[in-house]
Amino acid sequence: MSLPPHRLIQSCKTRWNSVCDMFERLVEQRWAVSAVLSDRSVTKLADARTLELRDDYWQLMEDMAPVLGTLKCATTVMSAESEVSISNTYPITFSLINTHLSASDEDSPKVADFKEKVRDSLGERMKIQSDDLNTSTPMIATMLDPRHKHLGFLPPATRKSAHSMLLQMATAERDSITAGAATAGDDGNTVHTGPQRHGAKPTSAMSLLLGETYSDARKDDVESEVDMYLKDPPAPLESSPMCWWKVNERRFPTLATLAKRYLCTPGTSVPSERVFSVAGLTVNRLRTRLTPEHVNMLIFLNKNI
């Protein structure tokens, strides 16, 4: 039938995307499956009556494929372990709710019902209506991600409140750095804050009126740093936030410190679960090679560390 020689895929409750994979493979191999089930030299009539799928089931799998495919893409991105993932949490969540899971006139009743249930569950689990949304770790990481800092997925009022929170955090971080520098100075270490201009003659009338350090104060202003960061064009979606910060760390030193602290957080527990899954598999493979005491010790470590 000129179909790819692929095996069928069985769904598994513990694997998020297995239903999507199962539906896609069944739809791909539909006519081969139907041919096997209708061939009495291969499949008995009693088995065929149990296994054959009605046309509406095949249609349901085709209709569900785009929705499940989008959810699979989202979970795959959020489960990354070698790239920044936590800052994608709310951009992806709001995109799913407002775009991919929104009602469409072309949806069948079952697809529309599925979209509504997933949309409501996602909004509840991610607490998108919570008053603490702007102070959550994923939202702070989103603001520190140069790809998402504009917060285009939020209403204007919520966006403004979130950016104000970022300014407060940056101010607190700068105060902490300044306090640390002052402490170092008190310990006997010399801290230079710039050239001393006391007693020097003003170079111009504006300098006389506003002070020689007027421009220097602006350079150290946290508000201007945050404002400049937010006004910078967003980084491309395909770019790496950490590479961006490596290049722009000197331009935004205070925000760079916060970025290092928040963007390293994994978006999900999947990376750590993969480690323990590998550890469990290793234990099973070594059972026949190790003494019972060694096996029990590895099992204990796998469960408790």
C-alpha atoms as a PDB file:
ATOM      1  CA  MET A   1       0.000   0.000   0.000  1.00  0.00           C
ATOM      2  CA  SER A   2       3.086   2.233  -0.221  1.00  0.00           C
ATOM      3  CA  LEU A   3       2.841   3.008   3.485  1.00  0.00           C
ATOM      4  CA  PRO A   4       5.846   3.509   5.781  1.00  0.00           C
ATOM      5  CA  PRO A   5       6.791   0.235   7.514  1.00  0.00           C
ATOM      6  CA  HIS A   6       5.950   1.518  10.981  1.00  0.00           C
ATOM      7  CA  ARG A   7       4.747  -0.450  13.966  1.00  0.00           C
ATOM      8  CA  LEU A   8       1.633   0.623  15.848  1.00  0.00           C
ATOM      9  CA  ILE A   9       2.129   2.555  19.098  1.00  0.00           C
ATOM     10  CA  GLN A  10       0.376   1.719  22.358  1.00  0.00           C
ATOM     11  CA  SER A  11      -0.661   4.525  24.694  1.00  0.00           C
ATOM     12  CA  CYS A  12       0.729   4.616  28.233  1.00  0.00           C
ATOM     13  CA  LYS A  13      -0.833   6.529  31.142  1.00  0.00           C
ATOM     14  CA  THR A  14       2.532   7.668  32.466  1.00  0.00           C
ATOM     15  CA  ARG A  15       3.642   9.167  29.146  1.00  0.00           C
ATOM     16  CA  TRP A  16       1.931  12.446  28.333  1.00  0.00           C
ATOM     17  CA  ASN A  17       2.106  12.304  24.559  1.00  0.00           C
ATOM     18  CA  SER A  18       1.517   8.592  23.950  1.00  0.00           C
ATOM     19  CA  VAL A  19      -2.153   9.056  22.999  1.00  0.00           C
ATOM     20  CA  CYS A  20      -1.141  11.582  20.355  1.00  0.00           C
ATOM     21  CA  ASP A  21       1.511   9.205  19.015  1.00  0.00           C
ATOM     22  CA  MET A  22      -0.951   6.311  19.013  1.00  0.00           C
ATOM     23  CA  PHE A  23      -3.621   8.274  17.112  1.00  0.00           C
ATOM     24  CA  GLU A  24      -1.134   9.593  14.543  1.00  0.00           C
ATOM     25  CA  ARG A  25       0.259   6.114  13.851  1.00  0.00           C
ATOM     26  CA  LEU A  26      -3.203   4.541  13.592  1.00  0.00           C
ATOM     27  CA  VAL A  27      -4.378   7.197  11.128  1.00  0.00           C
ATOM     28  CA  GLU A  28      -1.198   6.722   9.109  1.00  0.00           C
ATOM     29  CA  GLN A  29      -1.669   2.927   8.971  1.00  0.00           C
ATOM     30  CA  ARG A  30      -5.478   2.969   8.762  1.00  0.00           C
ATOM     31  CA  TRP A  31      -5.857   1.068   5.507  1.00  0.00           C
ATOM     32  CA  ALA A  32      -3.190  -1.481   6.388  1.00  0.00           C
ATOM     33  CA  VAL A  33      -4.927  -2.114   9.734  1.00  0.00           C
ATOM     34  CA  SER A  34      -8.304  -2.447   8.027  1.00  0.00           C
ATOM     35  CA  ALA A  35      -6.869  -4.863   5.459  1.00  0.00           C
ATOM     36  CA  VAL A  36      -5.376  -7.103   8.156  1.00  0.00           C
ATOM     37  CA  LEU A  37      -8.591  -7.123  10.199  1.00  0.00           C
ATOM     38  CA  SER A  38     -10.700  -7.993   7.139  1.00  0.00           C
ATOM     39  CA  ASP A  39      -8.396 -10.842   6.021  1.00  0.00           C
ATOM     40  CA  ARG A  40      -9.852 -14.059   7.512  1.00  0.00           C
ATOM     41  CA  SER A  41      -6.633 -15.950   6.846  1.00  0.00           C
ATOM     42  CA  VAL A  42      -4.935 -13.624   9.349  1.00  0.00           C
ATOM     43  CA  THR A  43      -7.656 -12.414  11.723  1.00  0.00           C
ATOM     44  CA  LYS A  44     -10.506 -14.519  13.031  1.00  0.00           C
ATOM     45  CA  LEU A  45     -14.010 -13.123  12.678  1.00  0.00           C
ATOM     46  CA  ALA A  46     -14.522 -12.973  16.453  1.00  0.00           C
ATOM     47  CA  ASP A  47     -11.294 -10.977  16.904  1.00  0.00           C
ATOM     48  CA  ALA A  48     -12.118  -8.693  13.983  1.00  0.00           C
ATOM     49  CA  ARG A  49     -15.498  -7.794  15.502  1.00  0.00           C
ATOM     50  CA  THR A  50     -13.725  -6.757  18.703  1.00  0.00           C
ATOM     51  CA  LEU A  51     -10.841  -4.884  17.090  1.00  0.00           C
ATOM     52  CA  GLU A  52     -12.430  -3.120  14.120  1.00  0.00           C
ATOM     53  CA  LEU A  53     -12.965   0.632  14.544  1.00  0.00           C
ATOM     54  CA  ARG A  54     -16.066   2.417  13.313  1.00  0.00           C
ATOM     55  CA  ASP A  55     -15.735   5.247  10.813  1.00  0.00           C
ATOM     56  CA  ASP A  56     -16.645   7.827  13.463  1.00  0.00           C
ATOM     57  CA  TYR A  57     -13.730   6.622  15.607  1.00  0.00           C
ATOM     58  CA  TRP A  58     -11.307   7.089  12.730  1.00  0.00           C
ATOM     59  CA  GLN A  59     -12.778  10.543  12.124  1.00  0.00           C
ATOM     60  CA  LEU A  60     -12.412  11.438  15.804  1.00  0.00           C
ATOM     61  CA  MET A  61      -8.717  10.513  15.748  1.00  0.00           C
ATOM     62  CA  GLU A  62      -8.175  12.685  12.666  1.00  0.00           C
ATOM     63  CA  ASP A  63     -10.033  15.594  14.243  1.00  0.00           C
ATOM     64  CA  MET A  64      -8.111  15.325  17.515  1.00  0.00           C
ATOM     65  CA  ALA A  65      -4.683  15.098  15.864  1.00  0.00           C
ATOM     66  CA  PRO A  66      -4.055  18.891  15.532  1.00  0.00           C
ATOM     67  CA  VAL A  67      -5.055  19.594  19.154  1.00  0.00           C
ATOM     68  CA  LEU A  68      -3.041  16.727  20.601  1.00  0.00           C
ATOM     69  CA  GLY A  69      -0.098  17.635  18.358  1.00  0.00           C
ATOM     70  CA  THR A  70      -0.041  21.158  19.790  1.00  0.00           C
ATOM     71  CA  LEU A  71      -0.120  19.845  23.365  1.00  0.00           C
ATOM     72  CA  LYS A  72       2.684  17.420  22.519  1.00  0.00           C
ATOM     73  CA  CYS A  73       4.770  20.294  21.148  1.00  0.00           C
ATOM     74  CA  ALA A  74       4.134  22.353  24.293  1.00  0.00           C
ATOM     75  CA  THR A  75       5.091  19.562  26.697  1.00  0.00           C
ATOM     76  CA  THR A  76       8.205  18.766  24.676  1.00  0.00           C
ATOM     77  CA  VAL A  77       9.397  22.384  24.819  1.00  0.00           C
ATOM     78  CA  MET A  78       8.635  22.649  28.537  1.00  0.00           C
ATOM     79  CA  SER A  79      10.499  19.402  29.276  1.00  0.00           C
ATOM     80  CA  ALA A  80      13.786  20.572  27.756  1.00  0.00           C
ATOM     81  CA  GLU A  81      16.849  20.054  29.929  1.00  0.00           C
ATOM     82  CA  SER A  82      19.604  21.707  27.866  1.00  0.00           C
ATOM     83  CA  GLU A  83      17.706  24.968  27.174  1.00  0.00           C
ATOM     84  CA  VAL A  84      15.906  27.583  29.259  1.00  0.00           C
ATOM     85  CA  SER A  85      12.379  26.301  29.905  1.00  0.00           C
ATOM     86  CA  ILE A  86      10.788  28.026  32.905  1.00  0.00           C
ATOM     87  CA  SER A  87      10.418  31.380  31.109  1.00  0.00           C
ATOM     88  CA  ASN A  88       8.260  29.640  28.468  1.00  0.00           C
ATOM     89  CA  THR A  89       5.656  28.587  31.024  1.00  0.00           C
ATOM     90  CA  TYR A  90       3.191  31.467  30.797  1.00  0.00           C
ATOM     91  CA  PRO A  91       3.753  32.489  27.150  1.00  0.00           C
ATOM     92  CA  ILE A  92       2.919  28.907  26.129  1.00  0.00           C
ATOM     93  CA  THR A  93       0.054  28.629  28.612  1.00  0.00           C
ATOM     94  CA  PHE A  94      -1.684  31.799  27.411  1.00  0.00           C
ATOM     95  CA  SER A  95      -1.048  30.894  23.769  1.00  0.00           C
ATOM     96  CA  LEU A  96      -2.687  27.496  24.271  1.00  0.00           C
ATOM     97  CA  ILE A  97      -5.677  28.961  26.081  1.00  0.00           C
ATOM     98  CA  ASN A  98      -6.257  31.969  23.814  1.00  0.00           C
ATOM     99  CA  THR A  99      -5.320  30.481  20.438  1.00  0.00           C
ATOM    100  CA  HIS A 100      -4.840  26.742  20.074  1.00  0.00           C
ATOM    101  CA  LEU A 101      -7.612  25.686  22.462  1.00  0.00           C
ATOM    102  CA  SER A 102     -10.093  28.400  21.526  1.00  0.00           C
ATOM    103  CA  ALA A 103     -13.438  27.340  20.081  1.00  0.00           C
ATOM    104  CA  SER A 104     -13.734  27.058  16.299  1.00  0.00           C
ATOM    105  CA  ASP A 105     -16.778  26.684  14.065  1.00  0.00           C
ATOM    106  CA  GLU A 106     -15.064  23.759  12.345  1.00  0.00           C
ATOM    107  CA  ASP A 107     -14.700  21.748  15.563  1.00  0.00           C
ATOM    108  CA  SER A 108     -16.840  18.677  16.052  1.00  0.00           C
ATOM    109  CA  PRO A 109     -18.820  18.515  19.333  1.00  0.00           C
ATOM    110  CA  LYS A 110     -16.317  16.087  20.914  1.00  0.00           C
ATOM    111  CA  VAL A 111     -13.299  18.161  19.903  1.00  0.00           C
ATOM    112  CA  ALA A 112     -14.973  21.335  21.179  1.00  0.00           C
ATOM    113  CA  ASP A 113     -15.743  19.629  24.502  1.00  0.00           C
ATOM    114  CA  PHE A 114     -12.150  18.381  24.791  1.00  0.00           C
ATOM    115  CA  LYS A 115     -10.743  21.850  24.103  1.00  0.00           C
ATOM    116  CA  GLU A 116     -12.992  23.421  26.724  1.00  0.00           C
ATOM    117  CA  LYS A 117     -12.036  20.917  29.426  1.00  0.00           C
ATOM    118  CA  VAL A 118      -8.306  21.222  28.748  1.00  0.00           C
ATOM    119  CA  ARG A 119      -8.562  25.021  28.576  1.00  0.00           C
ATOM    120  CA  ASP A 120     -10.376  25.251  31.918  1.00  0.00           C
ATOM    121  CA  SER A 121      -8.064  22.748  33.611  1.00  0.00           C
ATOM    122  CA  LEU A 122      -4.947  24.502  32.303  1.00  0.00           C
ATOM    123  CA  GLY A 123      -6.141  27.900  33.506  1.00  0.00           C
ATOM    124  CA  GLU A 124      -6.928  26.503  36.942  1.00  0.00           C
ATOM    125  CA  ARG A 125      -3.682  24.584  37.336  1.00  0.00           C
ATOM    126  CA  MET A 126      -1.507  27.477  36.167  1.00  0.00           C
ATOM    127  CA  LYS A 127      -3.470  29.991  38.306  1.00  0.00           C
ATOM    128  CA  ILE A 128      -3.646  32.562  35.532  1.00  0.00           C
ATOM    129  CA  GLN A 129      -6.225  34.611  37.480  1.00  0.00           C
ATOM    130  CA  SER A 130      -4.218  34.624  40.699  1.00  0.00           C
ATOM    131  CA  ASP A 131      -3.246  37.891  42.339  1.00  0.00           C
ATOM    132  CA  ASP A 132       0.219  36.412  42.885  1.00  0.00           C
ATOM    133  CA  LEU A 133       0.815  35.781  39.185  1.00  0.00           C
ATOM    134  CA  ASN A 134       3.341  38.611  38.805  1.00  0.00           C
ATOM    135  CA  THR A 135       5.418  37.444  41.774  1.00  0.00           C
ATOM    136  CA  SER A 136       5.595  33.801  40.724  1.00  0.00           C
ATOM    137  CA  THR A 137       8.960  32.395  39.679  1.00  0.00           C
ATOM    138  CA  PRO A 138       7.847  31.528  36.110  1.00  0.00           C
ATOM    139  CA  MET A 139       6.531  35.064  35.508  1.00  0.00           C
ATOM    140  CA  ILE A 140       9.692  36.697  36.859  1.00  0.00           C
ATOM    141  CA  ALA A 141      11.745  34.417  34.607  1.00  0.00           C
ATOM    142  CA  THR A 142       9.516  35.396  31.677  1.00  0.00           C
ATOM    143  CA  MET A 143      10.283  39.080  32.230  1.00  0.00           C
ATOM    144  CA  LEU A 144      14.003  38.284  32.389  1.00  0.00           C
ATOM    145  CA  ASP A 145      13.846  36.352  29.123  1.00  0.00           C
ATOM    146  CA  PRO A 146      14.622  38.827  26.296  1.00  0.00           C
ATOM    147  CA  ARG A 147      12.281  36.873  23.997  1.00  0.00           C
ATOM    148  CA  HIS A 148       9.226  37.367  26.228  1.00  0.00           C
ATOM    149  CA  LYS A 149       9.999  40.530  28.259  1.00  0.00           C
ATOM    150  CA  HIS A 150       7.303  42.583  26.459  1.00  0.00           C
ATOM    151  CA  LEU A 151       4.625  40.248  27.985  1.00  0.00           C
ATOM    152  CA  GLY A 152       2.429  40.593  24.916  1.00  0.00           C
ATOM    153  CA  PHE A 153       0.168  37.788  26.135  1.00  0.00           C
ATOM    154  CA  LEU A 154      -0.989  39.801  29.169  1.00  0.00           C
ATOM    155  CA  PRO A 155      -3.590  42.599  29.345  1.00  0.00           C
ATOM    156  CA  PRO A 156      -2.023  46.101  29.481  1.00  0.00           C
ATOM    157  CA  ALA A 157      -2.838  46.658  33.170  1.00  0.00           C
ATOM    158  CA  THR A 158      -1.345  43.315  34.226  1.00  0.00           C
ATOM    159  CA  ARG A 159       1.669  43.924  32.010  1.00  0.00           C
ATOM    160  CA  LYS A 160       2.337  47.297  33.633  1.00  0.00           C
ATOM    161  CA  SER A 161       2.032  45.781  37.100  1.00  0.00           C
ATOM    162  CA  ALA A 162       4.481  43.003  36.187  1.00  0.00           C
ATOM    163  CA  HIS A 163       7.050  45.466  34.865  1.00  0.00           C
ATOM    164  CA  SER A 164       6.707  47.495  38.066  1.00  0.00           C
ATOM    165  CA  MET A 165       7.451  44.325  40.012  1.00  0.00           C
ATOM    166  CA  LEU A 166      10.575  43.800  37.906  1.00  0.00           C
ATOM    167  CA  LEU A 167      11.728  47.329  38.759  1.00  0.00           C
ATOM    168  CA  GLN A 168      11.186  46.686  42.476  1.00  0.00           C
ATOM    169  CA  MET A 169      13.225  43.492  42.297  1.00  0.00           C
ATOM    170  CA  ALA A 170      16.021  45.201  40.379  1.00  0.00           C
ATOM    171  CA  THR A 171      16.088  48.042  42.930  1.00  0.00           C
ATOM    172  CA  ALA A 172      16.288  45.584  45.809  1.00  0.00           C
ATOM    173  CA  GLU A 173      19.075  43.715  44.020  1.00  0.00           C
ATOM    174  CA  ARG A 174      21.032  46.933  43.437  1.00  0.00           C
ATOM    175  CA  ASP A 175      20.602  47.934  47.095  1.00  0.00           C
ATOM    176  CA  SER A 176      21.901  44.514  48.121  1.00  0.00           C
ATOM    177  CA  ILE A 177      24.945  44.887  45.883  1.00  0.00           C
ATOM    178  CA  THR A 178      25.606  48.399  47.210  1.00  0.00           C
ATOM    179  CA  ALA A 179      25.268  47.209  50.807  1.00  0.00           C
ATOM    180  CA  GLY A 180      27.731  44.429  50.104  1.00  0.00           C
ATOM    181  CA  ALA A 181      30.213  46.889  48.631  1.00  0.00           C
ATOM    182  CA  ALA A 182      29.831  49.173  51.659  1.00  0.00           C
ATOM    183  CA  THR A 183      30.433  46.240  53.978  1.00  0.00           C
ATOM    184  CA  ALA A 184      33.603  45.405  52.092  1.00  0.00           C
ATOM    185  CA  GLY A 185      34.743  49.005  52.556  1.00  0.00           C
ATOM    186  CA  ASP A 186      34.070  48.836  56.288  1.00  0.00           C
ATOM    187  CA  ASP A 187      36.261  45.746  56.510  1.00  0.00           C
ATOM    188  CA  GLY A 188      39.250  47.793  55.417  1.00  0.00           C
ATOM    189  CA  ASN A 189      39.044  47.278  51.691  1.00  0.00           C
ATOM    190  CA  THR A 190      39.105  50.485  49.678  1.00  0.00           C
ATOM    191  CA  VAL A 191      36.024  51.018  47.554  1.00  0.00           C
ATOM    192  CA  HIS A 192      36.423  53.638  44.852  1.00  0.00           C
ATOM    193  CA  THR A 193      33.185  55.322  43.869  1.00  0.00           C
ATOM    194  CA  GLY A 194      34.689  57.633  41.297  1.00  0.00           C
ATOM    195  CA  PRO A 195      36.927  60.656  41.113  1.00  0.00           C
ATOM    196  CA  GLN A 196      36.633  63.207  43.884  1.00  0.00           C
ATOM    197  CA  ARG A 197      35.394  66.562  42.667  1.00  0.00           C
ATOM    198  CA  HIS A 198      35.055  68.400  45.971  1.00  0.00           C
ATOM    199  CA  GLY A 199      36.453  71.909  45.652  1.00  0.00           C
ATOM    200  CA  ALA A 200      36.863  71.622  41.895  1.00  0.00           C
ATOM    201  CA  LYS A 201      35.659  74.517  39.812  1.00  0.00           C
ATOM    202  CA  PRO A 202      32.463  73.813  37.809  1.00  0.00           C
ATOM    203  CA  THR A 203      33.132  73.429  34.105  1.00  0.00           C
ATOM    204  CA  SER A 204      29.880  75.095  33.005  1.00  0.00           C
ATOM    205  CA  ALA A 205      26.775  76.867  34.250  1.00  0.00           C
ATOM    206  CA  MET A 206      24.744  73.614  34.041  1.00  0.00           C
ATOM    207  CA  SER A 207      27.399  71.840  36.079  1.00  0.00           C
ATOM    208  CA  LEU A 208      27.191  74.597  38.667  1.00  0.00           C
ATOM    209  CA  LEU A 209      23.394  74.310  38.861  1.00  0.00           C
ATOM    210  CA  LEU A 210      22.945  70.497  38.652  1.00  0.00           C
ATOM    211  CA  GLY A 211      26.255  69.235  39.965  1.00  0.00           C
ATOM    212  CA  GLU A 212      29.228  67.570  38.383  1.00  0.00           C
ATOM    213  CA  THR A 213      27.918  64.073  39.241  1.00  0.00           C
ATOM    214  CA  TYR A 214      24.512  64.644  37.593  1.00  0.00           C
ATOM    215  CA  SER A 215      25.273  62.393  34.591  1.00  0.00           C
ATOM    216  CA  ASP A 216      27.062  59.780  36.706  1.00  0.00           C
ATOM    217  CA  ALA A 217      24.017  59.333  38.884  1.00  0.00           C
ATOM    218  CA  ARG A 218      21.973  58.572  35.794  1.00  0.00           C
ATOM    219  CA  LYS A 219      24.399  55.846  34.751  1.00  0.00           C
ATOM    220  CA  ASP A 220      23.802  53.993  38.026  1.00  0.00           C
ATOM    221  CA  ASP A 221      20.027  54.445  37.952  1.00  0.00           C
ATOM    222  CA  VAL A 222      18.195  51.104  38.128  1.00  0.00           C
ATOM    223  CA  GLU A 223      15.059  52.604  36.629  1.00  0.00           C
ATOM    224  CA  SER A 224      16.925  53.638  33.493  1.00  0.00           C
ATOM    225  CA  GLU A 225      18.471  50.149  33.230  1.00  0.00           C
ATOM    226  CA  VAL A 226      15.077  48.461  33.391  1.00  0.00           C
ATOM    227  CA  ASP A 227      13.548  51.006  31.031  1.00  0.00           C
ATOM    228  CA  MET A 228      16.327  50.534  28.493  1.00  0.00           C
ATOM    229  CA  TYR A 229      16.017  46.737  28.759  1.00  0.00           C
ATOM    230  CA  LEU A 230      12.280  46.802  28.118  1.00  0.00           C
ATOM    231  CA  LYS A 231      12.650  49.192  25.183  1.00  0.00           C
ATOM    232  CA  ASP A 232      15.228  46.992  23.470  1.00  0.00           C
ATOM    233  CA  PRO A 233      13.731  44.905  20.622  1.00  0.00           C
ATOM    234  CA  PRO A 234      12.784  41.386  21.750  1.00  0.00           C
ATOM    235  CA  ALA A 235      15.270  38.649  20.907  1.00  0.00           C
ATOM    236  CA  PRO A 236      14.234  36.131  18.196  1.00  0.00           C
ATOM    237  CA  LEU A 237      12.239  33.178  19.507  1.00  0.00           C
ATOM    238  CA  GLU A 238      14.873  30.763  18.220  1.00  0.00           C
ATOM    239  CA  SER A 239      17.686  32.493  20.127  1.00  0.00           C
ATOM    240  CA  SER A 240      19.139  31.413  23.468  1.00  0.00           C
ATOM    241  CA  PRO A 241      18.334  33.726  26.412  1.00  0.00           C
ATOM    242  CA  MET A 242      21.573  32.785  28.147  1.00  0.00           C
ATOM    243  CA  CYS A 243      23.651  33.655  25.070  1.00  0.00           C
ATOM    244  CA  TRP A 244      21.799  36.978  24.865  1.00  0.00           C
ATOM    245  CA  TRP A 245      22.612  37.757  28.488  1.00  0.00           C
ATOM    246  CA  LYS A 246      26.235  36.771  27.990  1.00  0.00           C
ATOM    247  CA  VAL A 247      26.508  39.463  25.308  1.00  0.00           C
ATOM    248  CA  ASN A 248      24.438  42.109  27.130  1.00  0.00           C
ATOM    249  CA  GLU A 249      25.507  41.529  30.724  1.00  0.00           C
ATOM    250  CA  ARG A 250      27.502  44.757  30.900  1.00  0.00           C
ATOM    251  CA  ARG A 251      24.607  46.810  29.577  1.00  0.00           C
ATOM    252  CA  PHE A 252      22.221  45.515  32.218  1.00  0.00           C
ATOM    253  CA  PRO A 253      24.374  44.312  35.147  1.00  0.00           C
ATOM    254  CA  THR A 254      21.619  44.274  37.777  1.00  0.00           C
ATOM    255  CA  LEU A 255      19.103  42.446  35.596  1.00  0.00           C
ATOM    256  CA  ALA A 256      21.807  40.034  34.457  1.00  0.00           C
ATOM    257  CA  THR A 257      22.309  38.974  38.069  1.00  0.00           C
ATOM    258  CA  LEU A 258      18.580  38.268  38.405  1.00  0.00           C
ATOM    259  CA  ALA A 259      18.531  36.448  35.067  1.00  0.00           C
ATOM    260  CA  LYS A 260      21.267  34.066  36.204  1.00  0.00           C
ATOM    261  CA  ARG A 261      19.286  33.339  39.330  1.00  0.00           C
ATOM    262  CA  TYR A 262      15.895  32.652  37.719  1.00  0.00           C
ATOM    263  CA  LEU A 263      16.480  31.338  34.204  1.00  0.00           C
ATOM    264  CA  CYS A 264      18.402  28.290  35.447  1.00  0.00           C
ATOM    265  CA  THR A 265      15.245  26.855  37.044  1.00  0.00           C
ATOM    266  CA  PRO A 266      13.779  23.865  35.138  1.00  0.00           C
ATOM    267  CA  GLY A 267      10.232  24.364  33.883  1.00  0.00           C
ATOM    268  CA  THR A 268       9.184  20.814  34.823  1.00  0.00           C
ATOM    269  CA  SER A 269      10.468  17.869  36.843  1.00  0.00           C
ATOM    270  CA  VAL A 270      10.955  15.789  33.683  1.00  0.00           C
ATOM    271  CA  PRO A 271      14.780  16.213  33.497  1.00  0.00           C
ATOM    272  CA  SER A 272      15.212  14.874  37.052  1.00  0.00           C
ATOM    273  CA  GLU A 273      12.713  12.073  36.401  1.00  0.00           C
ATOM    274  CA  ARG A 274      14.744  11.037  33.376  1.00  0.00           C
ATOM    275  CA  VAL A 275      17.820  10.720  35.576  1.00  0.00           C
ATOM    276  CA  PHE A 276      16.034   8.445  38.054  1.00  0.00           C
ATOM    277  CA  SER A 277      14.474   6.421  35.222  1.00  0.00           C
ATOM    278  CA  VAL A 278      17.955   5.756  33.869  1.00  0.00           C
ATOM    279  CA  ALA A 279      19.151   4.900  37.368  1.00  0.00           C
ATOM    280  CA  GLY A 280      16.301   2.420  37.788  1.00  0.00           C
ATOM    281  CA  LEU A 281      17.048   0.844  34.441  1.00  0.00           C
ATOM    282  CA  THR A 282      20.700   0.552  35.387  1.00  0.00           C
ATOM    283  CA  VAL A 283      19.761  -1.227  38.617  1.00  0.00           C
ATOM    284  CA  ASN A 284      17.630  -3.728  36.699  1.00  0.00           C
ATOM    285  CA  ARG A 285      20.423  -4.430  34.251  1.00  0.00           C
ATOM    286  CA  LEU A 286      22.965  -4.967  37.045  1.00  0.00           C
ATOM    287  CA  ARG A 287      20.823  -7.285  39.131  1.00  0.00           C
ATOM    288  CA  THR A 288      22.398 -10.395  37.639  1.00  0.00           C
ATOM    289  CA  ARG A 289      25.934  -9.026  38.112  1.00  0.00           C
ATOM    290  CA  LEU A 290      25.828  -7.705  41.660  1.00  0.00           C
ATOM    291  CA  THR A 291      25.450  -9.278  45.055  1.00  0.00           C
ATOM    292  CA  PRO A 292      22.060  -8.903  46.797  1.00  0.00           C
ATOM    293  CA  GLU A 293      23.587  -6.359  49.177  1.00  0.00           C
ATOM    294  CA  HIS A 294      24.745  -4.160  46.296  1.00  0.00           C
ATOM    295  CA  VAL A 295      21.382  -4.405  44.584  1.00  0.00           C
ATOM    296  CA  ASN A 296      19.502  -3.416  47.761  1.00  0.00           C
ATOM    297  CA  MET A 297      21.829  -0.458  48.275  1.00  0.00           C
ATOM    298  CA  LEU A 298      21.226   0.832  44.717  1.00  0.00           C
ATOM    299  CA  ILE A 299      17.468   0.415  45.088  1.00  0.00           C
ATOM    300  CA  PHE A 300      17.572   2.354  48.361  1.00  0.00           C
ATOM    301  CA  LEU A 301      19.586   5.194  46.789  1.00  0.00           C
ATOM    302  CA  ASN A 302      17.301   5.336  43.755  1.00  0.00           C
ATOM    303  CA  LYS A 303      14.223   5.721  45.964  1.00  0.00           C
ATOM    304  CA  ASN A 304      15.545   8.141  48.573  1.00  0.00           C
ATOM    305  CA  ILE A 305      18.108  10.482  46.990  1.00  0.00           C
END
